[in-house]
Amino acid sequence: MAEPVNLNRFRKEKARAEKKARADQNAVKFGRTKAEKDLTQARADKAKRDLDGHKAEE
């Protein structure tokens, strides 16, 4: 005779697997590498420094 199957566990495992697959797809589609994030931050910092450098002192 076959082992009884816990349908709740099966349903939850299936939902977890689908959520993980969707997360992986989104990471590929929308994710940025650490280098890209660092480059964006460095450019923003430089722009702020340049802007602050052009302000007139009072």
C-alpha atoms as a PDB file:
ATOM      1  CA  MET A   1       0.000   0.000   0.000  1.00  0.00           C
ATOM      2  CA  ALA A   2       1.233   3.500  -0.784  1.00  0.00           C
ATOM      3  CA  GLU A   3       2.204   6.023   1.854  1.00  0.00           C
ATOM      4  CA  PRO A   4      -0.419   8.667   2.611  1.00  0.00           C
ATOM      5  CA  VAL A   5       0.394  12.059   1.148  1.00  0.00           C
ATOM      6  CA  ASN A   6      -0.020  15.236   3.145  1.00  0.00           C
ATOM      7  CA  LEU A   7      -1.752  17.474   0.612  1.00  0.00           C
ATOM      8  CA  ASN A   8      -1.145  20.650   2.619  1.00  0.00           C
ATOM      9  CA  ARG A   9       2.603  20.022   2.622  1.00  0.00           C
ATOM     10  CA  PHE A  10       2.546  19.250  -1.096  1.00  0.00           C
ATOM     11  CA  ARG A  11       0.581  22.443  -1.836  1.00  0.00           C
ATOM     12  CA  LYS A  12       2.928  24.597   0.267  1.00  0.00           C
ATOM     13  CA  GLU A  13       6.060  23.077  -1.300  1.00  0.00           C
ATOM     14  CA  LYS A  14       4.657  23.742  -4.759  1.00  0.00           C
ATOM     15  CA  ALA A  15       3.847  27.363  -3.841  1.00  0.00           C
ATOM     16  CA  ARG A  16       7.368  27.853  -2.432  1.00  0.00           C
ATOM     17  CA  ALA A  17       8.941  26.446  -5.589  1.00  0.00           C
ATOM     18  CA  GLU A  18       6.844  28.736  -7.809  1.00  0.00           C
ATOM     19  CA  LYS A  19       7.684  31.770  -5.660  1.00  0.00           C
ATOM     20  CA  LYS A  20      11.407  30.936  -5.818  1.00  0.00           C
ATOM     21  CA  ALA A  21      11.265  30.528  -9.603  1.00  0.00           C
ATOM     22  CA  ARG A  22       9.478  33.881  -9.968  1.00  0.00           C
ATOM     23  CA  ALA A  23      12.038  35.549  -7.680  1.00  0.00           C
ATOM     24  CA  ASP A  24      14.905  34.126  -9.737  1.00  0.00           C
ATOM     25  CA  GLN A  25      13.333  35.415 -12.951  1.00  0.00           C
ATOM     26  CA  ASN A  26      12.889  38.884 -11.443  1.00  0.00           C
ATOM     27  CA  ALA A  27      16.470  38.907 -10.194  1.00  0.00           C
ATOM     28  CA  VAL A  28      17.692  38.263 -13.720  1.00  0.00           C
ATOM     29  CA  LYS A  29      15.273  40.757 -15.243  1.00  0.00           C
ATOM     30  CA  PHE A  30      15.556  43.647 -12.782  1.00  0.00           C
ATOM     31  CA  GLY A  31      18.577  42.935 -10.610  1.00  0.00           C
ATOM     32  CA  ARG A  32      21.819  44.866 -10.741  1.00  0.00           C
ATOM     33  CA  THR A  33      25.244  43.631  -9.824  1.00  0.00           C
ATOM     34  CA  LYS A  34      27.113  45.059  -6.871  1.00  0.00           C
ATOM     35  CA  ALA A  35      29.543  46.760  -9.264  1.00  0.00           C
ATOM     36  CA  GLU A  36      26.660  48.514 -11.039  1.00  0.00           C
ATOM     37  CA  LYS A  37      25.216  49.688  -7.721  1.00  0.00           C
ATOM     38  CA  ASP A  38      28.633  50.963  -6.579  1.00  0.00           C
ATOM     39  CA  LEU A  39      29.157  52.798  -9.870  1.00  0.00           C
ATOM     40  CA  THR A  40      25.753  54.488  -9.608  1.00  0.00           C
ATOM     41  CA  GLN A  41      26.486  55.540  -6.024  1.00  0.00           C
ATOM     42  CA  ALA A  42      29.929  56.873  -6.957  1.00  0.00           C
ATOM     43  CA  ARG A  43      28.465  58.923  -9.805  1.00  0.00           C
ATOM     44  CA  ALA A  44      25.790  60.361  -7.496  1.00  0.00           C
ATOM     45  CA  ASP A  45      28.424  61.246  -4.883  1.00  0.00           C
ATOM     46  CA  LYS A  46      30.600  62.965  -7.499  1.00  0.00           C
ATOM     47  CA  ALA A  47      27.641  64.941  -8.841  1.00  0.00           C
ATOM     48  CA  LYS A  48      26.817  66.109  -5.306  1.00  0.00           C
ATOM     49  CA  ARG A  49      30.441  67.122  -4.658  1.00  0.00           C
ATOM     50  CA  ASP A  50      30.581  69.012  -7.970  1.00  0.00           C
ATOM     51  CA  LEU A  51      27.343  70.813  -7.187  1.00  0.00           C
ATOM     52  CA  ASP A  52      28.512  71.702  -3.680  1.00  0.00           C
ATOM     53  CA  GLY A  53      31.785  72.974  -5.141  1.00  0.00           C
ATOM     54  CA  HIS A  54      29.927  75.443  -7.364  1.00  0.00           C
ATOM     55  CA  LYS A  55      27.882  76.968  -4.560  1.00  0.00           C
ATOM     56  CA  ALA A  56      28.819  80.482  -3.583  1.00  0.00           C
ATOM     57  CA  GLU A  57      29.987  80.907  -0.018  1.00  0.00           C
ATOM     58  CA  GLU A  58      28.140  83.484   2.015  1.00  0.00           C
END
